[in-house]
């Protein structure tokens, strides 16, 4: 299983903060994001290709081509700004 976490506005948009995906859905961050986006509705909007969404795998910043394997934790979150 892959634990997928959603933070801040993404969590609000998709209506959950965490879900488990079967290991069969492992792959690159970009591939997982595309599969989630394909759910349509709020998922498509929140994880849209034009939206800037950051990712972390096992609490380390990840790129779209970062591999996610069975047992990993994947987090999606919007960019953070500070003042």
PDB file of N, CA and C in Angstrom:
ATOM      1  N   UNK A   1       0.839  -1.185   0.000  1.00  0.00           N
ATOM      2  CA  UNK A   1       0.000   0.000   0.000  1.00  0.00           C
ATOM      3  C   UNK A   1       0.882   1.246   0.000  1.00  0.00           C
ATOM      4  N   UNK A   2       0.346   2.289  -0.580  1.00  0.00           N
ATOM      5  CA  UNK A   2       0.971   3.607  -0.564  1.00  0.00           C
ATOM      6  C   UNK A   2       0.043   4.524   0.221  1.00  0.00           C
ATOM      7  N   UNK A   3       0.571   5.206   1.200  1.00  0.00           N
ATOM      8  CA  UNK A   3      -0.216   6.182   1.955  1.00  0.00           C
ATOM      9  C   UNK A   3      -0.074   7.534   1.253  1.00  0.00           C
ATOM     10  N   UNK A   4      -1.193   8.113   0.838  1.00  0.00           N
ATOM     11  CA  UNK A   4      -1.176   9.406   0.160  1.00  0.00           C
ATOM     12  C   UNK A   4      -1.821  10.430   1.088  1.00  0.00           C
ATOM     13  N   UNK A   5      -1.084  11.489   1.391  1.00  0.00           N
ATOM     14  CA  UNK A   5      -1.552  12.549   2.282  1.00  0.00           C
ATOM     15  C   UNK A   5      -1.790  13.817   1.466  1.00  0.00           C
ATOM     16  N   UNK A   6      -2.819  14.544   1.845  1.00  0.00           N
ATOM     17  CA  UNK A   6      -3.161  15.816   1.199  1.00  0.00           C
ATOM     18  C   UNK A   6      -3.156  16.893   2.276  1.00  0.00           C
ATOM     19  N   UNK A   7      -2.543  18.023   1.976  1.00  0.00           N
ATOM     20  CA  UNK A   7      -2.413  19.085   2.962  1.00  0.00           C
ATOM     21  C   UNK A   7      -3.035  20.389   2.485  1.00  0.00           C
ATOM     22  N   UNK A   8      -3.436  21.198   3.459  1.00  0.00           N
ATOM     23  CA  UNK A   8      -3.933  22.558   3.250  1.00  0.00           C
ATOM     24  C   UNK A   8      -5.100  22.591   2.264  1.00  0.00           C
ATOM     25  N   UNK A   9      -5.025  23.453   1.252  1.00  0.00           N
ATOM     26  CA  UNK A   9      -6.145  23.620   0.322  1.00  0.00           C
ATOM     27  C   UNK A   9      -6.445  22.348  -0.471  1.00  0.00           C
ATOM     28  N   UNK A  10      -5.457  21.506  -0.688  1.00  0.00           N
ATOM     29  CA  UNK A  10      -5.706  20.245  -1.390  1.00  0.00           C
ATOM     30  C   UNK A  10      -6.596  19.338  -0.546  1.00  0.00           C
ATOM     31  N   UNK A  11      -6.320  19.281   0.745  1.00  0.00           N
ATOM     32  CA  UNK A  11      -7.138  18.470   1.657  1.00  0.00           C
ATOM     33  C   UNK A  11      -8.578  18.963   1.643  1.00  0.00           C
ATOM     34  N   UNK A  12      -8.746  20.268   1.677  1.00  0.00           N
ATOM     35  CA  UNK A  12     -10.093  20.849   1.659  1.00  0.00           C
ATOM     36  C   UNK A  12     -10.806  20.550   0.340  1.00  0.00           C
ATOM     37  N   UNK A  13     -10.081  20.629  -0.751  1.00  0.00           N
ATOM     38  CA  UNK A  13     -10.686  20.425  -2.074  1.00  0.00           C
ATOM     39  C   UNK A  13     -11.135  18.988  -2.296  1.00  0.00           C
ATOM     40  N   UNK A  14     -10.303  18.017  -1.899  1.00  0.00           N
ATOM     41  CA  UNK A  14     -10.636  16.624  -2.176  1.00  0.00           C
ATOM     42  C   UNK A  14     -11.406  15.958  -1.040  1.00  0.00           C
ATOM     43  N   UNK A  15     -11.505  16.630   0.092  1.00  0.00           N
ATOM     44  CA  UNK A  15     -12.334  16.139   1.177  1.00  0.00           C
ATOM     45  C   UNK A  15     -11.745  15.033   2.028  1.00  0.00           C
ATOM     46  N   UNK A  16     -10.428  14.860   1.977  1.00  0.00           N
ATOM     47  CA  UNK A  16      -9.773  13.856   2.819  1.00  0.00           C
ATOM     48  C   UNK A  16      -8.338  14.282   3.070  1.00  0.00           C
ATOM     49  N   UNK A  17      -7.787  13.789   4.152  1.00  0.00           N
ATOM     50  CA  UNK A  17      -6.390  14.123   4.426  1.00  0.00           C
ATOM     51  C   UNK A  17      -5.441  12.968   4.139  1.00  0.00           C
ATOM     52  N   UNK A  18      -5.982  11.752   4.043  1.00  0.00           N
ATOM     53  CA  UNK A  18      -5.119  10.601   3.760  1.00  0.00           C
ATOM     54  C   UNK A  18      -5.947   9.476   3.136  1.00  0.00           C
ATOM     55  N   UNK A  19      -5.301   8.723   2.276  1.00  0.00           N
ATOM     56  CA  UNK A  19      -5.925   7.527   1.707  1.00  0.00           C
ATOM     57  C   UNK A  19      -4.829   6.529   1.384  1.00  0.00           C
ATOM     58  N   UNK A  20      -5.216   5.284   1.290  1.00  0.00           N
ATOM     59  CA  UNK A  20      -4.285   4.223   0.928  1.00  0.00           C
ATOM     60  C   UNK A  20      -4.572   3.784  -0.501  1.00  0.00           C
ATOM     61  N   UNK A  21      -3.514   3.688  -1.288  1.00  0.00           N
ATOM     62  CA  UNK A  21      -3.630   3.188  -2.652  1.00  0.00           C
ATOM     63  C   UNK A  21      -2.954   1.825  -2.729  1.00  0.00           C
ATOM     64  N   UNK A  22      -3.496   0.921  -3.523  1.00  0.00           N
ATOM     65  CA  UNK A  22      -2.860  -0.391  -3.677  1.00  0.00           C
ATOM     66  C   UNK A  22      -1.446  -0.254  -4.249  1.00  0.00           C
ATOM     67  N   UNK A  23      -0.583  -1.167  -3.858  1.00  0.00           N
ATOM     68  CA  UNK A  23       0.799  -1.146  -4.348  1.00  0.00           C
ATOM     69  C   UNK A  23       0.854  -1.191  -5.871  1.00  0.00           C
ATOM     70  N   UNK A  24      -0.163  -1.766  -6.491  1.00  0.00           N
ATOM     71  CA  UNK A  24      -0.202  -1.842  -7.955  1.00  0.00           C
ATOM     72  C   UNK A  24      -0.237  -0.454  -8.593  1.00  0.00           C
ATOM     73  N   UNK A  25      -0.600   0.559  -7.824  1.00  0.00           N
ATOM     74  CA  UNK A  25      -0.645   1.923  -8.352  1.00  0.00           C
ATOM     75  C   UNK A  25       0.656   2.677  -8.105  1.00  0.00           C
ATOM     76  N   UNK A  26       1.688   1.979  -7.643  1.00  0.00           N
ATOM     77  CA  UNK A  26       2.991   2.608  -7.456  1.00  0.00           C
ATOM     78  C   UNK A  26       3.533   3.047  -8.810  1.00  0.00           C
ATOM     79  N   UNK A  27       4.481   3.940  -8.774  1.00  0.00           N
ATOM     80  CA  UNK A  27       5.093   4.457  -9.995  1.00  0.00           C
ATOM     81  C   UNK A  27       5.687   5.811  -9.713  1.00  0.00           C
ATOM     82  N   UNK A  28       5.838   6.604 -10.729  1.00  0.00           N
ATOM     83  CA  UNK A  28       6.367   7.956 -10.566  1.00  0.00           C
ATOM     84  C   UNK A  28       5.306   8.850  -9.937  1.00  0.00           C
ATOM     85  N   UNK A  29       5.764   9.873  -9.229  1.00  0.00           N
ATOM     86  CA  UNK A  29       4.850  10.851  -8.625  1.00  0.00           C
ATOM     87  C   UNK A  29       3.898  11.394  -9.685  1.00  0.00           C
ATOM     88  N   UNK A  30       4.411  11.724 -10.856  1.00  0.00           N
ATOM     89  CA  UNK A  30       3.572  12.288 -11.919  1.00  0.00           C
ATOM     90  C   UNK A  30       2.501  11.307 -12.375  1.00  0.00           C
ATOM     91  N   UNK A  31       2.817  10.017 -12.401  1.00  0.00           N
ATOM     92  CA  UNK A  31       1.843   9.004 -12.819  1.00  0.00           C
ATOM     93  C   UNK A  31       0.731   8.853 -11.784  1.00  0.00           C
ATOM     94  N   UNK A  32       1.103   8.861 -10.521  1.00  0.00           N
ATOM     95  CA  UNK A  32       0.098   8.758  -9.457  1.00  0.00           C
ATOM     96  C   UNK A  32      -0.794   9.983  -9.461  1.00  0.00           C
ATOM     97  N   UNK A  33      -0.189  11.142  -9.604  1.00  0.00           N
ATOM     98  CA  UNK A  33      -0.973  12.383  -9.664  1.00  0.00           C
ATOM     99  C   UNK A  33      -1.952  12.340 -10.833  1.00  0.00           C
ATOM    100  N   UNK A  34      -1.525  11.857 -11.984  1.00  0.00           N
ATOM    101  CA  UNK A  34      -2.397  11.764 -13.155  1.00  0.00           C
ATOM    102  C   UNK A  34      -3.564  10.812 -12.905  1.00  0.00           C
ATOM    103  N   UNK A  35      -3.285   9.676 -12.242  1.00  0.00           N
ATOM    104  CA  UNK A  35      -4.373   8.735 -11.936  1.00  0.00           C
ATOM    105  C   UNK A  35      -5.381   9.349 -10.971  1.00  0.00           C
ATOM    106  N   UNK A  36      -4.897  10.090  -9.994  1.00  0.00           N
ATOM    107  CA  UNK A  36      -5.808  10.755  -9.050  1.00  0.00           C
ATOM    108  C   UNK A  36      -6.614  11.832  -9.770  1.00  0.00           C
ATOM    109  N   UNK A  37      -5.965  12.586 -10.634  1.00  0.00           N
ATOM    110  CA  UNK A  37      -6.634  13.646 -11.402  1.00  0.00           C
ATOM    111  C   UNK A  37      -7.728  13.063 -12.293  1.00  0.00           C
ATOM    112  N   UNK A  38      -7.507  11.854 -12.789  1.00  0.00           N
ATOM    113  CA  UNK A  38      -8.464  11.198 -13.685  1.00  0.00           C
ATOM    114  C   UNK A  38      -9.778  10.854 -12.983  1.00  0.00           C
ATOM    115  N   UNK A  39      -9.814  10.950 -11.672  1.00  0.00           N
ATOM    116  CA  UNK A  39     -11.064  10.727 -10.939  1.00  0.00           C
ATOM    117  C   UNK A  39     -12.105  11.780 -11.292  1.00  0.00           C
ATOM    118  N   UNK A  40     -11.631  12.917 -11.788  1.00  0.00           N
ATOM    119  CA  UNK A  40     -12.529  13.987 -12.203  1.00  0.00           C
ATOM    120  C   UNK A  40     -12.944  14.875 -11.039  1.00  0.00           C
ATOM    121  N   UNK A  41     -13.831  15.805 -11.324  1.00  0.00           N
ATOM    122  CA  UNK A  41     -14.371  16.700 -10.305  1.00  0.00           C
ATOM    123  C   UNK A  41     -13.307  17.453  -9.534  1.00  0.00           C
ATOM    124  N   UNK A  42     -13.449  17.453  -8.207  1.00  0.00           N
ATOM    125  CA  UNK A  42     -12.523  18.180  -7.339  1.00  0.00           C
ATOM    126  C   UNK A  42     -11.097  17.676  -7.496  1.00  0.00           C
ATOM    127  N   UNK A  43     -10.938  16.368  -7.770  1.00  0.00           N
ATOM    128  CA  UNK A  43      -9.601  15.799  -7.951  1.00  0.00           C
ATOM    129  C   UNK A  43      -8.918  16.408  -9.162  1.00  0.00           C
ATOM    130  N   UNK A  44      -9.655  16.515 -10.247  1.00  0.00           N
ATOM    131  CA  UNK A  44      -9.110  17.070 -11.482  1.00  0.00           C
ATOM    132  C   UNK A  44      -8.703  18.525 -11.293  1.00  0.00           C
ATOM    133  N   UNK A  45      -9.519  19.245 -10.569  1.00  0.00           N
ATOM    134  CA  UNK A  45      -9.223  20.664 -10.344  1.00  0.00           C
ATOM    135  C   UNK A  45      -8.052  20.843  -9.375  1.00  0.00           C
ATOM    136  N   UNK A  46      -8.083  20.152  -8.243  1.00  0.00           N
ATOM    137  CA  UNK A  46      -7.052  20.321  -7.212  1.00  0.00           C
ATOM    138  C   UNK A  46      -5.674  19.876  -7.690  1.00  0.00           C
ATOM    139  N   UNK A  47      -5.626  18.820  -8.488  1.00  0.00           N
ATOM    140  CA  UNK A  47      -4.354  18.270  -8.946  1.00  0.00           C
ATOM    141  C   UNK A  47      -4.112  18.538 -10.431  1.00  0.00           C
ATOM    142  N   UNK A  48      -4.800  19.536 -10.969  1.00  0.00           N
ATOM    143  CA  UNK A  48      -4.690  19.878 -12.379  1.00  0.00           C
ATOM    144  C   UNK A  48      -3.264  20.157 -12.828  1.00  0.00           C
ATOM    145  N   UNK A  49      -3.018  19.904 -14.093  1.00  0.00           N
ATOM    146  CA  UNK A  49      -1.668  20.086 -14.633  1.00  0.00           C
ATOM    147  C   UNK A  49      -1.167  21.524 -14.502  1.00  0.00           C
ATOM    148  N   UNK A  50      -2.075  22.491 -14.566  1.00  0.00           N
ATOM    149  CA  UNK A  50      -1.672  23.886 -14.467  1.00  0.00           C
ATOM    150  C   UNK A  50      -1.493  24.341 -13.022  1.00  0.00           C
ATOM    151  N   UNK A  51      -1.947  23.545 -12.073  1.00  0.00           N
ATOM    152  CA  UNK A  51      -1.813  23.893 -10.661  1.00  0.00           C
ATOM    153  C   UNK A  51      -0.418  23.550 -10.169  1.00  0.00           C
ATOM    154  N   UNK A  52       0.157  24.460  -9.422  1.00  0.00           N
ATOM    155  CA  UNK A  52       1.464  24.186  -8.816  1.00  0.00           C
ATOM    156  C   UNK A  52       1.210  23.386  -7.543  1.00  0.00           C
ATOM    157  N   UNK A  53       1.620  22.141  -7.561  1.00  0.00           N
ATOM    158  CA  UNK A  53       1.460  21.228  -6.430  1.00  0.00           C
ATOM    159  C   UNK A  53       2.822  20.600  -6.155  1.00  0.00           C
ATOM    160  N   UNK A  54       3.243  20.662  -4.911  1.00  0.00           N
ATOM    161  CA  UNK A  54       4.507  20.060  -4.514  1.00  0.00           C
ATOM    162  C   UNK A  54       4.251  18.653  -3.983  1.00  0.00           C
ATOM    163  N   UNK A  55       5.293  17.843  -3.987  1.00  0.00           N
ATOM    164  CA  UNK A  55       5.165  16.467  -3.504  1.00  0.00           C
ATOM    165  C   UNK A  55       6.373  16.113  -2.649  1.00  0.00           C
ATOM    166  N   UNK A  56       6.145  15.201  -1.728  1.00  0.00           N
ATOM    167  CA  UNK A  56       7.218  14.637  -0.912  1.00  0.00           C
ATOM    168  C   UNK A  56       6.999  13.131  -0.832  1.00  0.00           C
ATOM    169  N   UNK A  57       8.082  12.386  -0.882  1.00  0.00           N
ATOM    170  CA  UNK A  57       8.035  10.935  -0.714  1.00  0.00           C
ATOM    171  C   UNK A  57       8.850  10.624   0.537  1.00  0.00           C
ATOM    172  N   UNK A  58       8.189   9.982   1.479  1.00  0.00           N
ATOM    173  CA  UNK A  58       8.828   9.653   2.759  1.00  0.00           C
ATOM    174  C   UNK A  58       9.455  10.890   3.403  1.00  0.00           C
ATOM    175  N   UNK A  59       8.704  11.985   3.357  1.00  0.00           N
ATOM    176  CA  UNK A  59       9.044  13.262   3.987  1.00  0.00           C
ATOM    177  C   UNK A  59      10.274  13.940   3.384  1.00  0.00           C
ATOM    178  N   UNK A  60      10.564  13.619   2.137  1.00  0.00           N
ATOM    179  CA  UNK A  60      11.632  14.304   1.394  1.00  0.00           C
ATOM    180  C   UNK A  60      11.028  14.868   0.116  1.00  0.00           C
ATOM    181  N   UNK A  61      11.384  16.088  -0.190  1.00  0.00           N
ATOM    182  CA  UNK A  61      10.857  16.720  -1.396  1.00  0.00           C
ATOM    183  C   UNK A  61      11.099  15.812  -2.596  1.00  0.00           C
ATOM    184  N   UNK A  62      10.090  15.757  -3.459  1.00  0.00           N
ATOM    185  CA  UNK A  62      10.160  14.845  -4.607  1.00  0.00           C
ATOM    186  C   UNK A  62       9.885  15.594  -5.901  1.00  0.00           C
ATOM    187  N   UNK A  63      10.418  15.058  -6.976  1.00  0.00           N
ATOM    188  CA  UNK A  63      10.186  15.593  -8.313  1.00  0.00           C
ATOM    189  C   UNK A  63       9.124  14.724  -8.984  1.00  0.00           C
ATOM    190  N   UNK A  64       8.558  15.187 -10.091  1.00  0.00           N
ATOM    191  CA  UNK A  64       7.563  14.379 -10.794  1.00  0.00           C
ATOM    192  C   UNK A  64       8.069  12.992 -11.193  1.00  0.00           C
ATOM    193  N   UNK A  65       9.376  12.849 -11.434  1.00  0.00           N
ATOM    194  CA  UNK A  65       9.909  11.555 -11.855  1.00  0.00           C
ATOM    195  C   UNK A  65      10.395  10.680 -10.691  1.00  0.00           C
ATOM    196  N   UNK A  66      10.180  11.127  -9.459  1.00  0.00           N
ATOM    197  CA  UNK A  66      10.555  10.330  -8.289  1.00  0.00           C
ATOM    198  C   UNK A  66       9.675   9.085  -8.207  1.00  0.00           C
ATOM    199  N   UNK A  67      10.293   7.947  -8.004  1.00  0.00           N
ATOM    200  CA  UNK A  67       9.571   6.676  -7.900  1.00  0.00           C
ATOM    201  C   UNK A  67       8.935   6.537  -6.509  1.00  0.00           C
ATOM    202  N   UNK A  68       7.720   6.027  -6.490  1.00  0.00           N
ATOM    203  CA  UNK A  68       7.000   5.723  -5.258  1.00  0.00           C
ATOM    204  C   UNK A  68       6.772   4.218  -5.256  1.00  0.00           C
ATOM    205  N   UNK A  69       7.186   3.562  -4.179  1.00  0.00           N
ATOM    206  CA  UNK A  69       7.096   2.108  -4.093  1.00  0.00           C
ATOM    207  C   UNK A  69       6.138   1.686  -2.986  1.00  0.00           C
ATOM    208  N   UNK A  70       5.815   0.416  -2.988  1.00  0.00           N
ATOM    209  CA  UNK A  70       4.977  -0.164  -1.944  1.00  0.00           C
ATOM    210  C   UNK A  70       5.568   0.169  -0.576  1.00  0.00           C
ATOM    211  N   UNK A  71       4.729   0.641   0.340  1.00  0.00           N
ATOM    212  CA  UNK A  71       5.168   0.996   1.684  1.00  0.00           C
ATOM    213  C   UNK A  71       5.577   2.444   1.835  1.00  0.00           C
ATOM    214  N   UNK A  72       5.665   3.186   0.734  1.00  0.00           N
ATOM    215  CA  UNK A  72       6.057   4.596   0.796  1.00  0.00           C
ATOM    216  C   UNK A  72       4.887   5.486   1.202  1.00  0.00           C
ATOM    217  N   UNK A  73       5.248   6.670   1.650  1.00  0.00           N
ATOM    218  CA  UNK A  73       4.284   7.714   1.965  1.00  0.00           C
ATOM    219  C   UNK A  73       4.488   8.844   0.944  1.00  0.00           C
ATOM    220  N   UNK A  74       3.417   9.229   0.291  1.00  0.00           N
ATOM    221  CA  UNK A  74       3.439  10.306  -0.701  1.00  0.00           C
ATOM    222  C   UNK A  74       2.560  11.430  -0.197  1.00  0.00           C
ATOM    223  N   UNK A  75       3.077  12.637  -0.207  1.00  0.00           N
ATOM    224  CA  UNK A  75       2.301  13.792   0.243  1.00  0.00           C
ATOM    225  C   UNK A  75       2.218  14.820  -0.871  1.00  0.00           C
ATOM    226  N   UNK A  76       1.026  15.383  -1.043  1.00  0.00           N
ATOM    227  CA  UNK A  76       0.814  16.488  -1.984  1.00  0.00           C
ATOM    228  C   UNK A  76       0.422  17.715  -1.180  1.00  0.00           C
ATOM    229  N   UNK A  77       0.994  18.869  -1.545  1.00  0.00           N
ATOM    230  CA  UNK A  77       0.679  20.100  -0.832  1.00  0.00           C
ATOM    231  C   UNK A  77       0.940  21.298  -1.738  1.00  0.00           C
ATOM    232  N   UNK A  78       0.227  22.391  -1.470  1.00  0.00           N
ATOM    233  CA  UNK A  78       0.452  23.600  -2.272  1.00  0.00           C
ATOM    234  C   UNK A  78       1.735  24.289  -1.815  1.00  0.00           C
ATOM    235  N   UNK A  79       2.300  25.138  -2.670  1.00  0.00           N
ATOM    236  CA  UNK A  79       3.481  25.898  -2.264  1.00  0.00           C
ATOM    237  C   UNK A  79       3.123  26.764  -1.053  1.00  0.00           C
ATOM    238  N   UNK A  80       4.086  26.979  -0.200  1.00  0.00           N
ATOM    239  CA  UNK A  80       3.874  27.769   1.016  1.00  0.00           C
ATOM    240  C   UNK A  80       4.582  29.102   0.838  1.00  0.00           C
ATOM    241  N   UNK A  81       3.891  30.158   1.231  1.00  0.00           N
ATOM    242  CA  UNK A  81       4.516  31.471   1.223  1.00  0.00           C
ATOM    243  C   UNK A  81       4.540  31.991   2.643  1.00  0.00           C
ATOM    244  N   UNK A  82       5.469  32.814   2.915  1.00  0.00           N
ATOM    245  CA  UNK A  82       5.586  33.372   4.260  1.00  0.00           C
ATOM    246  C   UNK A  82       5.831  34.861   4.201  1.00  0.00           C
ATOM    247  N   UNK A  83       5.814  35.454   5.321  1.00  0.00           N
ATOM    248  CA  UNK A  83       6.011  36.901   5.344  1.00  0.00           C
ATOM    249  C   UNK A  83       6.842  37.315   6.501  1.00  0.00           C
TER     250      UNK A  83
END
